[in-house]
Every structure is written in C-alpha cells, then in structure tokens.
C-alpha cells in the first residue's frame, strides 16, 4: 500500500493487544479522501482491537499511525478526537463509545459528535 501525504489515515506495522496477549501483528491500512473502507473478519480476528488502537483507546505496541500526515501514534485519544478521530461501538443494542474520523468537503477533518 502506498504511503504519502494524500492519505487521510495511514497505519503501518501496527501491533496491539491487551496485557500480555498480543492480538495484532504488523497490520497496515491506507485510507484516502473519499474512500469507504470495510474491516471484515471472524469474531476474534482483531477488528475492534485495530480500531481501538487507531483512535488511541489502546496503545499501539509498535508501528505508526498517521492522520492527515501527522504522526498520532503516541497521541492521547482525546487529542485524536480533536483532530477528527471517532469510534463507535455497540453492545447489547446500546451505543457505548463515540470517539472515528471523517473529512468535510473543504478538506478539513470533521469530528462532529452525534448520538
């Protein structure tokens, strides 16, 4: 996957997990403006772990994550939200977390909060 300033979100070599249990090994993702991306996998494949590492809810053990060219790998999740990152999960039919990213037509990142 190419990496350059045209990427909205660029993740390279992301390792992550919980405690001593490693869940992700070297995951890459490149999202460009206007693209729609689907993460598809079996239960336990690491989809949620990857998304949580992107938004900073869990720490990426290695690799890097860039948003609009800025390295956000070690940035706090609250600061990632200020830059437009959001994440939403559902558990038992109830929305638990809203934290993803989007891009407005003017090219700026949109972090509008909706429930």
PDB file of N, CA and C in Angstrom:
ATOM      1  N   UNK A   1       0.831  -1.179   0.000  1.00  0.00           N
ATOM      2  CA  UNK A   1       0.000   0.000   0.000  1.00  0.00           C
ATOM      3  C   UNK A   1       0.875   1.242   0.000  1.00  0.00           C
ATOM      4  N   UNK A   2       0.548   2.213  -0.830  1.00  0.00           N
ATOM      5  CA  UNK A   2       1.371   3.422  -0.871  1.00  0.00           C
ATOM      6  C   UNK A   2       1.164   4.287   0.363  1.00  0.00           C
ATOM      7  N   UNK A   3       2.210   4.998   0.746  1.00  0.00           N
ATOM      8  CA  UNK A   3       2.095   5.954   1.841  1.00  0.00           C
ATOM      9  C   UNK A   3       2.609   7.296   1.359  1.00  0.00           C
ATOM     10  N   UNK A   4       1.796   8.330   1.500  1.00  0.00           N
ATOM     11  CA  UNK A   4       2.211   9.680   1.171  1.00  0.00           C
ATOM     12  C   UNK A   4       1.239  10.658   1.806  1.00  0.00           C
ATOM     13  N   UNK A   5       1.463  11.948   1.567  1.00  0.00           N
ATOM     14  CA  UNK A   5       0.654  12.984   2.196  1.00  0.00           C
ATOM     15  C   UNK A   5      -0.808  12.933   1.756  1.00  0.00           C
ATOM     16  N   UNK A   6      -1.125  12.230   0.659  1.00  0.00           N
ATOM     17  CA  UNK A   6      -2.510  12.152   0.190  1.00  0.00           C
ATOM     18  C   UNK A   6      -3.367  11.245   1.067  1.00  0.00           C
ATOM     19  N   UNK A   7      -2.758  10.480   1.956  1.00  0.00           N
ATOM     20  CA  UNK A   7      -3.517   9.587   2.827  1.00  0.00           C
ATOM     21  C   UNK A   7      -4.228  10.381   3.915  1.00  0.00           C
ATOM     22  N   UNK A   8      -5.483  10.052   4.132  1.00  0.00           N
ATOM     23  CA  UNK A   8      -6.220  10.623   5.251  1.00  0.00           C
ATOM     24  C   UNK A   8      -5.805   9.906   6.534  1.00  0.00           C
ATOM     25  N   UNK A   9      -5.765   8.584   6.459  1.00  0.00           N
ATOM     26  CA  UNK A   9      -5.334   7.758   7.577  1.00  0.00           C
ATOM     27  C   UNK A   9      -4.357   6.726   7.052  1.00  0.00           C
ATOM     28  N   UNK A  10      -3.210   6.629   7.700  1.00  0.00           N
ATOM     29  CA  UNK A  10      -2.168   5.695   7.276  1.00  0.00           C
ATOM     30  C   UNK A  10      -1.639   4.979   8.509  1.00  0.00           C
ATOM     31  N   UNK A  11      -1.799   3.673   8.543  1.00  0.00           N
ATOM     32  CA  UNK A  11      -1.281   2.859   9.646  1.00  0.00           C
ATOM     33  C   UNK A  11      -0.317   1.836   9.048  1.00  0.00           C
ATOM     34  N   UNK A  12       0.844   1.692   9.662  1.00  0.00           N
ATOM     35  CA  UNK A  12       1.866   0.766   9.168  1.00  0.00           C
ATOM     36  C   UNK A  12       2.433  -0.057  10.304  1.00  0.00           C
ATOM     37  N   UNK A  13       2.411  -1.379  10.147  1.00  0.00           N
ATOM     38  CA  UNK A  13       3.068  -2.278  11.083  1.00  0.00           C
ATOM     39  C   UNK A  13       2.510  -2.228  12.494  1.00  0.00           C
ATOM     40  N   UNK A  14       1.195  -1.999  12.634  1.00  0.00           N
ATOM     41  CA  UNK A  14       0.602  -1.844  13.964  1.00  0.00           C
ATOM     42  C   UNK A  14       0.496  -3.194  14.679  1.00  0.00           C
ATOM     43  N   UNK A  15       1.116  -3.249  15.861  1.00  0.00           N
ATOM     44  CA  UNK A  15       0.979  -4.368  16.792  1.00  0.00           C
ATOM     45  C   UNK A  15       0.201  -3.848  17.992  1.00  0.00           C
ATOM     46  N   UNK A  16      -0.743  -4.628  18.496  1.00  0.00           N
ATOM     47  CA  UNK A  16      -1.517  -4.199  19.665  1.00  0.00           C
ATOM     48  C   UNK A  16      -2.101  -5.425  20.346  1.00  0.00           C
ATOM     49  N   UNK A  17      -2.518  -5.225  21.587  1.00  0.00           N
ATOM     50  CA  UNK A  17      -3.137  -6.310  22.340  1.00  0.00           C
ATOM     51  C   UNK A  17      -3.576  -5.826  23.700  1.00  0.00           C
ATOM     52  N   UNK A  18      -3.847  -6.774  24.567  1.00  0.00           N
ATOM     53  CA  UNK A  18      -4.348  -6.494  25.913  1.00  0.00           C
ATOM     54  C   UNK A  18      -3.467  -7.234  26.913  1.00  0.00           C
ATOM     55  N   UNK A  19      -2.837  -6.491  27.818  1.00  0.00           N
ATOM     56  CA  UNK A  19      -1.939  -7.121  28.780  1.00  0.00           C
ATOM     57  C   UNK A  19      -0.821  -7.847  28.052  1.00  0.00           C
ATOM     58  N   UNK A  20      -0.624  -9.123  28.390  1.00  0.00           N
ATOM     59  CA  UNK A  20       0.425  -9.917  27.740  1.00  0.00           C
ATOM     60  C   UNK A  20      -0.051 -10.585  26.453  1.00  0.00           C
ATOM     61  N   UNK A  21      -1.334 -10.458  26.138  1.00  0.00           N
ATOM     62  CA  UNK A  21      -1.888 -11.114  24.949  1.00  0.00           C
ATOM     63  C   UNK A  21      -1.790 -10.194  23.736  1.00  0.00           C
ATOM     64  N   UNK A  22      -0.971 -10.579  22.770  1.00  0.00           N
ATOM     65  CA  UNK A  22      -0.873  -9.817  21.528  1.00  0.00           C
ATOM     66  C   UNK A  22      -1.966 -10.280  20.583  1.00  0.00           C
ATOM     67  N   UNK A  23      -2.681  -9.318  19.997  1.00  0.00           N
ATOM     68  CA  UNK A  23      -3.801  -9.614  19.113  1.00  0.00           C
ATOM     69  C   UNK A  23      -3.466  -9.262  17.655  1.00  0.00           C
ATOM     70  N   UNK A  24      -2.722  -8.180  17.461  1.00  0.00           N
ATOM     71  CA  UNK A  24      -2.380  -7.715  16.113  1.00  0.00           C
ATOM     72  C   UNK A  24      -0.886  -7.818  15.873  1.00  0.00           C
ATOM     73  N   UNK A  25      -0.525  -8.230  14.676  1.00  0.00           N
ATOM     74  CA  UNK A  25       0.875  -8.310  14.261  1.00  0.00           C
ATOM     75  C   UNK A  25       1.026  -7.613  12.922  1.00  0.00           C
ATOM     76  N   UNK A  26       1.639  -6.434  12.921  1.00  0.00           N
ATOM     77  CA  UNK A  26       2.006  -5.758  11.678  1.00  0.00           C
ATOM     78  C   UNK A  26       0.869  -5.393  10.751  1.00  0.00           C
ATOM     79  N   UNK A  27      -0.218  -4.866  11.269  1.00  0.00           N
ATOM     80  CA  UNK A  27      -1.375  -4.512  10.436  1.00  0.00           C
ATOM     81  C   UNK A  27      -1.127  -3.180   9.729  1.00  0.00           C
ATOM     82  N   UNK A  28      -1.459  -3.132   8.430  1.00  0.00           N
ATOM     83  CA  UNK A  28      -1.339  -1.935   7.603  1.00  0.00           C
ATOM     84  C   UNK A  28      -2.715  -1.510   7.110  1.00  0.00           C
ATOM     85  N   UNK A  29      -2.905  -0.202   6.987  1.00  0.00           N
ATOM     86  CA  UNK A  29      -4.141   0.349   6.422  1.00  0.00           C
ATOM     87  C   UNK A  29      -3.829   1.710   5.827  1.00  0.00           C
ATOM     88  N   UNK A  30      -4.365   1.983   4.645  1.00  0.00           N
ATOM     89  CA  UNK A  30      -4.216   3.277   3.997  1.00  0.00           C
ATOM     90  C   UNK A  30      -5.600   3.710   3.530  1.00  0.00           C
ATOM     91  N   UNK A  31      -6.093   4.822   4.071  1.00  0.00           N
ATOM     92  CA  UNK A  31      -7.393   5.355   3.686  1.00  0.00           C
ATOM     93  C   UNK A  31      -7.178   6.736   3.095  1.00  0.00           C
ATOM     94  N   UNK A  32      -7.696   6.920   1.887  1.00  0.00           N
ATOM     95  CA  UNK A  32      -7.551   8.188   1.187  1.00  0.00           C
ATOM     96  C   UNK A  32      -8.886   8.930   1.174  1.00  0.00           C
ATOM     97  N   UNK A  33      -8.847  10.240   1.020  1.00  0.00           N
ATOM     98  CA  UNK A  33     -10.094  11.013   0.995  1.00  0.00           C
ATOM     99  C   UNK A  33     -11.089  10.449  -0.011  1.00  0.00           C
ATOM    100  N   UNK A  34     -12.340  10.333   0.419  1.00  0.00           N
ATOM    101  CA  UNK A  34     -13.397   9.844  -0.448  1.00  0.00           C
ATOM    102  C   UNK A  34     -13.577   8.340  -0.443  1.00  0.00           C
ATOM    103  N   UNK A  35     -12.650   7.604   0.138  1.00  0.00           N
ATOM    104  CA  UNK A  35     -12.761   6.143   0.176  1.00  0.00           C
ATOM    105  C   UNK A  35     -13.666   5.693   1.318  1.00  0.00           C
ATOM    106  N   UNK A  36     -14.309   4.557   1.094  1.00  0.00           N
ATOM    107  CA  UNK A  36     -15.046   3.862   2.135  1.00  0.00           C
ATOM    108  C   UNK A  36     -14.328   2.547   2.377  1.00  0.00           C
ATOM    109  N   UNK A  37     -14.027   2.246   3.638  1.00  0.00           N
ATOM    110  CA  UNK A  37     -13.260   1.051   3.969  1.00  0.00           C
ATOM    111  C   UNK A  37     -14.084   0.158   4.876  1.00  0.00           C
ATOM    112  N   UNK A  38     -14.050  -1.129   4.628  1.00  0.00           N
ATOM    113  CA  UNK A  38     -14.746  -2.117   5.434  1.00  0.00           C
ATOM    114  C   UNK A  38     -13.720  -3.052   6.052  1.00  0.00           C
ATOM    115  N   UNK A  39     -13.777  -3.209   7.371  1.00  0.00           N
ATOM    116  CA  UNK A  39     -12.952  -4.210   8.052  1.00  0.00           C
ATOM    117  C   UNK A  39     -13.834  -5.426   8.265  1.00  0.00           C
ATOM    118  N   UNK A  40     -13.446  -6.526   7.665  1.00  0.00           N
ATOM    119  CA  UNK A  40     -14.262  -7.725   7.710  1.00  0.00           C
ATOM    120  C   UNK A  40     -13.417  -8.865   8.256  1.00  0.00           C
ATOM    121  N   UNK A  41     -13.965  -9.622   9.181  1.00  0.00           N
ATOM    122  CA  UNK A  41     -13.235 -10.762   9.717  1.00  0.00           C
ATOM    123  C   UNK A  41     -14.080 -11.507  10.722  1.00  0.00           C
ATOM    124  N   UNK A  42     -13.644 -12.694  11.039  1.00  0.00           N
ATOM    125  CA  UNK A  42     -14.348 -13.538  12.005  1.00  0.00           C
ATOM    126  C   UNK A  42     -14.278 -12.936  13.400  1.00  0.00           C
ATOM    127  N   UNK A  43     -15.160 -13.390  14.282  1.00  0.00           N
ATOM    128  CA  UNK A  43     -15.082 -12.987  15.685  1.00  0.00           C
ATOM    129  C   UNK A  43     -13.691 -13.316  16.210  1.00  0.00           C
ATOM    130  N   UNK A  44     -13.097 -12.359  16.925  1.00  0.00           N
ATOM    131  CA  UNK A  44     -11.773 -12.588  17.498  1.00  0.00           C
ATOM    132  C   UNK A  44     -10.620 -12.342  16.548  1.00  0.00           C
ATOM    133  N   UNK A  45     -10.902 -11.841  15.348  1.00  0.00           N
ATOM    134  CA  UNK A  45      -9.843 -11.638  14.357  1.00  0.00           C
ATOM    135  C   UNK A  45      -9.010 -10.381  14.622  1.00  0.00           C
ATOM    136  N   UNK A  46      -9.515  -9.454  15.474  1.00  0.00           N
ATOM    137  CA  UNK A  46      -8.749  -8.262  15.801  1.00  0.00           C
ATOM    138  C   UNK A  46      -9.302  -6.965  15.237  1.00  0.00           C
ATOM    139  N   UNK A  47     -10.498  -6.984  14.664  1.00  0.00           N
ATOM    140  CA  UNK A  47     -11.082  -5.772  14.079  1.00  0.00           C
ATOM    141  C   UNK A  47     -11.239  -4.668  15.119  1.00  0.00           C
ATOM    142  N   UNK A  48     -11.863  -4.993  16.233  1.00  0.00           N
ATOM    143  CA  UNK A  48     -12.096  -3.997  17.285  1.00  0.00           C
ATOM    144  C   UNK A  48     -10.778  -3.541  17.895  1.00  0.00           C
ATOM    145  N   UNK A  49      -9.859  -4.457  18.107  1.00  0.00           N
ATOM    146  CA  UNK A  49      -8.546  -4.101  18.656  1.00  0.00           C
ATOM    147  C   UNK A  49      -7.843  -3.119  17.730  1.00  0.00           C
ATOM    148  N   UNK A  50      -7.908  -3.354  16.426  1.00  0.00           N
ATOM    149  CA  UNK A  50      -7.276  -2.449  15.467  1.00  0.00           C
ATOM    150  C   UNK A  50      -7.921  -1.067  15.523  1.00  0.00           C
ATOM    151  N   UNK A  51      -9.248  -1.022  15.503  1.00  0.00           N
ATOM    152  CA  UNK A  51      -9.930   0.275  15.555  1.00  0.00           C
ATOM    153  C   UNK A  51      -9.612   1.012  16.850  1.00  0.00           C
ATOM    154  N   UNK A  52      -9.590   0.296  17.966  1.00  0.00           N
ATOM    155  CA  UNK A  52      -9.254   0.937  19.247  1.00  0.00           C
ATOM    156  C   UNK A  52      -7.824   1.457  19.245  1.00  0.00           C
ATOM    157  N   UNK A  53      -6.917   0.759  18.582  1.00  0.00           N
ATOM    158  CA  UNK A  53      -5.536   1.249  18.514  1.00  0.00           C
ATOM    159  C   UNK A  53      -5.448   2.491  17.623  1.00  0.00           C
ATOM    160  N   UNK A  54      -6.262   2.557  16.568  1.00  0.00           N
ATOM    161  CA  UNK A  54      -6.257   3.731  15.691  1.00  0.00           C
ATOM    162  C   UNK A  54      -6.704   4.985  16.425  1.00  0.00           C
ATOM    163  N   UNK A  55      -7.725   4.866  17.264  1.00  0.00           N
ATOM    164  CA  UNK A  55      -8.262   6.044  17.957  1.00  0.00           C
ATOM    165  C   UNK A  55      -7.614   6.273  19.315  1.00  0.00           C
ATOM    166  N   UNK A  56      -6.694   5.394  19.726  1.00  0.00           N
ATOM    167  CA  UNK A  56      -5.946   5.605  20.959  1.00  0.00           C
ATOM    168  C   UNK A  56      -6.604   5.073  22.218  1.00  0.00           C
ATOM    169  N   UNK A  57      -7.626   4.245  22.078  1.00  0.00           N
ATOM    170  CA  UNK A  57      -8.246   3.649  23.258  1.00  0.00           C
ATOM    171  C   UNK A  57      -7.376   2.551  23.852  1.00  0.00           C
ATOM    172  N   UNK A  58      -6.542   1.941  23.010  1.00  0.00           N
ATOM    173  CA  UNK A  58      -5.459   1.074  23.480  1.00  0.00           C
ATOM    174  C   UNK A  58      -4.193   1.493  22.743  1.00  0.00           C
ATOM    175  N   UNK A  59      -3.059   1.235  23.337  1.00  0.00           N
ATOM    176  CA  UNK A  59      -1.787   1.672  22.765  1.00  0.00           C
ATOM    177  C   UNK A  59      -1.313   0.721  21.671  1.00  0.00           C
ATOM    178  N   UNK A  60      -0.841   1.297  20.570  1.00  0.00           N
ATOM    179  CA  UNK A  60      -0.161   0.503  19.546  1.00  0.00           C
ATOM    180  C   UNK A  60       1.234   0.184  20.084  1.00  0.00           C
ATOM    181  N   UNK A  61       1.563  -1.098  20.183  1.00  0.00           N
ATOM    182  CA  UNK A  61       2.855  -1.507  20.745  1.00  0.00           C
ATOM    183  C   UNK A  61       4.008  -1.204  19.810  1.00  0.00           C
ATOM    184  N   UNK A  62       3.732  -1.241  18.531  1.00  0.00           N
ATOM    185  CA  UNK A  62       4.749  -0.874  17.543  1.00  0.00           C
ATOM    186  C   UNK A  62       4.037  -0.421  16.276  1.00  0.00           C
ATOM    187  N   UNK A  63       4.817   0.071  15.334  1.00  0.00           N
ATOM    188  CA  UNK A  63       4.271   0.613  14.110  1.00  0.00           C
ATOM    189  C   UNK A  63       3.967   2.082  14.264  1.00  0.00           C
ATOM    190  N   UNK A  64       3.294   2.647  13.270  1.00  0.00           N
ATOM    191  CA  UNK A  64       2.910   4.053  13.349  1.00  0.00           C
ATOM    192  C   UNK A  64       1.524   4.274  12.769  1.00  0.00           C
ATOM    193  N   UNK A  65       0.895   5.343  13.245  1.00  0.00           N
ATOM    194  CA  UNK A  65      -0.428   5.748  12.779  1.00  0.00           C
ATOM    195  C   UNK A  65      -0.342   7.234  12.450  1.00  0.00           C
ATOM    196  N   UNK A  66      -0.734   7.595  11.230  1.00  0.00           N
ATOM    197  CA  UNK A  66      -0.715   8.994  10.805  1.00  0.00           C
ATOM    198  C   UNK A  66      -2.104   9.410  10.358  1.00  0.00           C
ATOM    199  N   UNK A  67      -2.496  10.594  10.762  1.00  0.00           N
ATOM    200  CA  UNK A  67      -3.773  11.170  10.375  1.00  0.00           C
ATOM    201  C   UNK A  67      -3.474  12.464   9.631  1.00  0.00           C
ATOM    202  N   UNK A  68      -3.817  12.508   8.358  1.00  0.00           N
ATOM    203  CA  UNK A  68      -3.521  13.695   7.554  1.00  0.00           C
ATOM    204  C   UNK A  68      -2.044  14.016   7.513  1.00  0.00           C
ATOM    205  N   UNK A  69      -1.181  12.988   7.578  1.00  0.00           N
ATOM    206  CA  UNK A  69       0.265  13.169   7.541  1.00  0.00           C
ATOM    207  C   UNK A  69       0.912  13.379   8.899  1.00  0.00           C
ATOM    208  N   UNK A  70       0.121  13.646   9.940  1.00  0.00           N
ATOM    209  CA  UNK A  70       0.652  13.871  11.289  1.00  0.00           C
ATOM    210  C   UNK A  70       0.752  12.549  12.046  1.00  0.00           C
ATOM    211  N   UNK A  71       1.894  12.283  12.639  1.00  0.00           N
ATOM    212  CA  UNK A  71       2.074  11.067  13.424  1.00  0.00           C
ATOM    213  C   UNK A  71       1.293  11.197  14.728  1.00  0.00           C
ATOM    214  N   UNK A  72       0.290  10.338  14.908  1.00  0.00           N
ATOM    215  CA  UNK A  72      -0.545  10.374  16.109  1.00  0.00           C
ATOM    216  C   UNK A  72      -0.366   9.124  16.958  1.00  0.00           C
ATOM    217  N   UNK A  73       0.651   8.324  16.660  1.00  0.00           N
ATOM    218  CA  UNK A  73       0.834   7.031  17.308  1.00  0.00           C
ATOM    219  C   UNK A  73       0.826   7.121  18.829  1.00  0.00           C
ATOM    220  N   UNK A  74       1.493   8.090  19.393  1.00  0.00           N
ATOM    221  CA  UNK A  74       1.602   8.223  20.848  1.00  0.00           C
ATOM    222  C   UNK A  74       0.657   9.280  21.419  1.00  0.00           C
ATOM    223  N   UNK A  75      -0.186   9.850  20.573  1.00  0.00           N
ATOM    224  CA  UNK A  75      -1.091  10.919  20.997  1.00  0.00           C
ATOM    225  C   UNK A  75      -2.242  10.365  21.836  1.00  0.00           C
ATOM    226  N   UNK A  76      -2.679  11.130  22.836  1.00  0.00           N
ATOM    227  CA  UNK A  76      -3.818  10.750  23.669  1.00  0.00           C
ATOM    228  C   UNK A  76      -5.073  10.656  22.813  1.00  0.00           C
ATOM    229  N   UNK A  77      -6.000   9.778  23.199  1.00  0.00           N
ATOM    230  CA  UNK A  77      -7.234   9.613  22.433  1.00  0.00           C
ATOM    231  C   UNK A  77      -8.038  10.911  22.385  1.00  0.00           C
ATOM    232  N   UNK A  78      -8.035  11.697  23.457  1.00  0.00           N
ATOM    233  CA  UNK A  78      -8.776  12.962  23.466  1.00  0.00           C
ATOM    234  C   UNK A  78      -8.209  13.935  22.430  1.00  0.00           C
ATOM    235  N   UNK A  79      -6.892  13.924  22.237  1.00  0.00           N
ATOM    236  CA  UNK A  79      -6.280  14.788  21.224  1.00  0.00           C
ATOM    237  C   UNK A  79      -6.566  14.266  19.816  1.00  0.00           C
ATOM    238  N   UNK A  80      -6.672  12.953  19.668  1.00  0.00           N
ATOM    239  CA  UNK A  80      -7.040  12.382  18.366  1.00  0.00           C
ATOM    240  C   UNK A  80      -8.469  12.789  18.012  1.00  0.00           C
ATOM    241  N   UNK A  81      -9.350  12.797  19.009  1.00  0.00           N
ATOM    242  CA  UNK A  81     -10.733  13.220  18.766  1.00  0.00           C
ATOM    243  C   UNK A  81     -10.782  14.669  18.298  1.00  0.00           C
ATOM    244  N   UNK A  82      -9.948  15.518  18.881  1.00  0.00           N
ATOM    245  CA  UNK A  82      -9.912  16.930  18.480  1.00  0.00           C
ATOM    246  C   UNK A  82      -9.481  17.086  17.027  1.00  0.00           C
ATOM    247  N   UNK A  83      -8.760  16.091  16.509  1.00  0.00           N
ATOM    248  CA  UNK A  83      -8.310  16.115  15.118  1.00  0.00           C
ATOM    249  C   UNK A  83      -9.282  15.396  14.191  1.00  0.00           C
ATOM    250  N   UNK A  84     -10.375  14.859  14.746  1.00  0.00           N
ATOM    251  CA  UNK A  84     -11.401  14.258  13.902  1.00  0.00           C
ATOM    252  C   UNK A  84     -11.579  12.766  14.036  1.00  0.00           C
ATOM    253  N   UNK A  85     -10.807  12.092  14.870  1.00  0.00           N
ATOM    254  CA  UNK A  85     -10.953  10.648  15.029  1.00  0.00           C
ATOM    255  C   UNK A  85     -12.199  10.343  15.859  1.00  0.00           C
ATOM    256  N   UNK A  86     -12.965   9.329  15.437  1.00  0.00           N
ATOM    257  CA  UNK A  86     -14.101   8.884  16.229  1.00  0.00           C
ATOM    258  C   UNK A  86     -14.195   7.374  16.184  1.00  0.00           C
ATOM    259  N   UNK A  87     -14.837   6.803  17.161  1.00  0.00           N
ATOM    260  CA  UNK A  87     -15.042   5.362  17.234  1.00  0.00           C
ATOM    261  C   UNK A  87     -16.382   5.119  17.911  1.00  0.00           C
ATOM    262  N   UNK A  88     -17.166   4.227  17.358  1.00  0.00           N
ATOM    263  CA  UNK A  88     -18.446   3.919  17.956  1.00  0.00           C
ATOM    264  C   UNK A  88     -18.569   2.416  18.080  1.00  0.00           C
ATOM    265  N   UNK A  89     -18.973   1.953  19.257  1.00  0.00           N
ATOM    266  CA  UNK A  89     -19.212   0.518  19.421  1.00  0.00           C
ATOM    267  C   UNK A  89     -20.623   0.315  19.930  1.00  0.00           C
ATOM    268  N   UNK A  90     -21.132  -0.871  19.695  1.00  0.00           N
ATOM    269  CA  UNK A  90     -22.463  -1.226  20.153  1.00  0.00           C
ATOM    270  C   UNK A  90     -22.368  -2.510  20.954  1.00  0.00           C
ATOM    271  N   UNK A  91     -23.030  -2.524  22.069  1.00  0.00           N
ATOM    272  CA  UNK A  91     -23.040  -3.713  22.910  1.00  0.00           C
ATOM    273  C   UNK A  91     -24.449  -3.890  23.437  1.00  0.00           C
ATOM    274  N   UNK A  92     -25.035  -5.030  23.203  1.00  0.00           N
ATOM    275  CA  UNK A  92     -26.409  -5.301  23.639  1.00  0.00           C
ATOM    276  C   UNK A  92     -27.384  -4.250  23.125  1.00  0.00           C
ATOM    277  N   UNK A  93     -27.166  -3.789  21.898  1.00  0.00           N
ATOM    278  CA  UNK A  93     -28.062  -2.829  21.290  1.00  0.00           C
ATOM    279  C   UNK A  93     -27.917  -1.403  21.789  1.00  0.00           C
ATOM    280  N   UNK A  94     -26.914  -1.138  22.615  1.00  0.00           N
ATOM    281  CA  UNK A  94     -26.719   0.199  23.176  1.00  0.00           C
ATOM    282  C   UNK A  94     -25.372   0.745  22.724  1.00  0.00           C
ATOM    283  N   UNK A  95     -25.359   2.006  22.291  1.00  0.00           N
ATOM    284  CA  UNK A  95     -24.114   2.640  21.888  1.00  0.00           C
ATOM    285  C   UNK A  95     -23.306   2.961  23.129  1.00  0.00           C
ATOM    286  N   UNK A  96     -22.071   2.457  23.184  1.00  0.00           N
ATOM    287  CA  UNK A  96     -21.228   2.610  24.366  1.00  0.00           C
ATOM    288  C   UNK A  96     -20.175   3.699  24.216  1.00  0.00           C
ATOM    289  N   UNK A  97     -19.581   3.834  23.036  1.00  0.00           N
ATOM    290  CA  UNK A  97     -18.483   4.775  22.841  1.00  0.00           C
ATOM    291  C   UNK A  97     -18.686   5.500  21.521  1.00  0.00           C
ATOM    292  N   UNK A  98     -18.445   6.778  21.505  1.00  0.00           N
ATOM    293  CA  UNK A  98     -18.385   7.520  20.244  1.00  0.00           C
ATOM    294  C   UNK A  98     -17.087   8.271  20.284  1.00  0.00           C
ATOM    295  N   UNK A  99     -16.195   7.867  19.633  1.00  0.00           N
ATOM    296  CA  UNK A  99     -14.911   8.544  19.683  1.00  0.00           C
ATOM    297  C   UNK A  99     -14.334   8.587  18.289  1.00  0.00           C
ATOM    298  N   UNK A 100     -14.032   8.216  15.455  1.00  0.00           N
ATOM    299  CA  UNK A 100     -13.822   7.948  14.090  1.00  0.00           C
ATOM    300  C   UNK A 100     -13.304   9.161  13.418  1.00  0.00           C
ATOM    301  N   UNK A 101     -13.367   9.175  12.295  1.00  0.00           N
ATOM    302  CA  UNK A 101     -12.867  10.320  11.559  1.00  0.00           C
ATOM    303  C   UNK A 101     -13.660  10.481  10.287  1.00  0.00           C
ATOM    304  N   UNK A 102     -13.715  11.674   9.824  1.00  0.00           N
ATOM    305  CA  UNK A 102     -14.390  11.980   8.585  1.00  0.00           C
ATOM    306  C   UNK A 102     -13.734  13.191   7.969  1.00  0.00           C
ATOM    307  N   UNK A 103     -14.078  13.484   6.740  1.00  0.00           N
ATOM    308  CA  UNK A 103     -13.494  14.648   6.093  1.00  0.00           C
ATOM    309  C   UNK A 103     -14.608  15.485   5.503  1.00  0.00           C
ATOM    310  N   UNK A 104     -14.593  16.771   5.827  1.00  0.00           N
ATOM    311  CA  UNK A 104     -15.575  17.700   5.299  1.00  0.00           C
ATOM    312  C   UNK A 104     -15.235  18.014   3.844  1.00  0.00           C
ATOM    313  N   UNK A 105     -16.211  18.558   3.105  1.00  0.00           N
ATOM    314  CA  UNK A 105     -15.943  18.914   1.696  1.00  0.00           C
ATOM    315  C   UNK A 105     -14.790  19.900   1.523  1.00  0.00           C
ATOM    316  N   UNK A 106     -14.516  20.753   2.529  1.00  0.00           N
ATOM    317  CA  UNK A 106     -13.425  21.717   2.401  1.00  0.00           C
ATOM    318  C   UNK A 106     -12.056  21.100   2.709  1.00  0.00           C
ATOM    319  N   UNK A 107     -12.030  19.781   2.959  1.00  0.00           N
ATOM    320  CA  UNK A 107     -10.765  19.096   3.193  1.00  0.00           C
ATOM    321  C   UNK A 107     -10.357  19.024   4.644  1.00  0.00           C
ATOM    322  N   UNK A 108     -11.037  19.752   5.520  1.00  0.00           N
ATOM    323  CA  UNK A 108     -10.730  19.692   6.939  1.00  0.00           C
ATOM    324  C   UNK A 108     -11.359  18.449   7.545  1.00  0.00           C
ATOM    325  N   UNK A 109     -10.784  17.935   8.619  1.00  0.00           N
ATOM    326  CA  UNK A 109     -11.346  16.772   9.283  1.00  0.00           C
ATOM    327  C   UNK A 109     -12.547  17.191  10.104  1.00  0.00           C
ATOM    328  N   UNK A 110     -13.578  16.358  10.089  1.00  0.00           N
ATOM    329  CA  UNK A 110     -14.819  16.627  10.808  1.00  0.00           C
ATOM    330  C   UNK A 110     -14.908  15.701  11.999  1.00  0.00           C
ATOM    331  N   UNK A 111     -15.044  16.266  13.182  1.00  0.00           N
ATOM    332  CA  UNK A 111     -15.222  15.437  14.366  1.00  0.00           C
ATOM    333  C   UNK A 111     -16.533  15.768  15.066  1.00  0.00           C
ATOM    334  N   UNK A 112     -17.554  16.036  14.248  1.00  0.00           N
ATOM    335  CA  UNK A 112     -18.878  16.335  14.797  1.00  0.00           C
ATOM    336  C   UNK A 112     -19.385  15.188  15.645  1.00  0.00           C
ATOM    337  N   UNK A 113     -19.900  15.495  16.810  1.00  0.00           N
ATOM    338  CA  UNK A 113     -20.391  14.482  17.724  1.00  0.00           C
ATOM    339  C   UNK A 113     -21.883  14.264  17.480  1.00  0.00           C
ATOM    340  N   UNK A 114     -22.265  13.038  17.267  1.00  0.00           N
ATOM    341  CA  UNK A 114     -23.666  12.684  17.049  1.00  0.00           C
ATOM    342  C   UNK A 114     -23.985  11.461  17.883  1.00  0.00           C
ATOM    343  N   UNK A 115     -25.213  11.337  18.293  1.00  0.00           N
ATOM    344  CA  UNK A 115     -25.642  10.141  19.026  1.00  0.00           C
ATOM    345  C   UNK A 115     -26.790   9.512  18.295  1.00  0.00           C
TER     346      UNK A 115
END
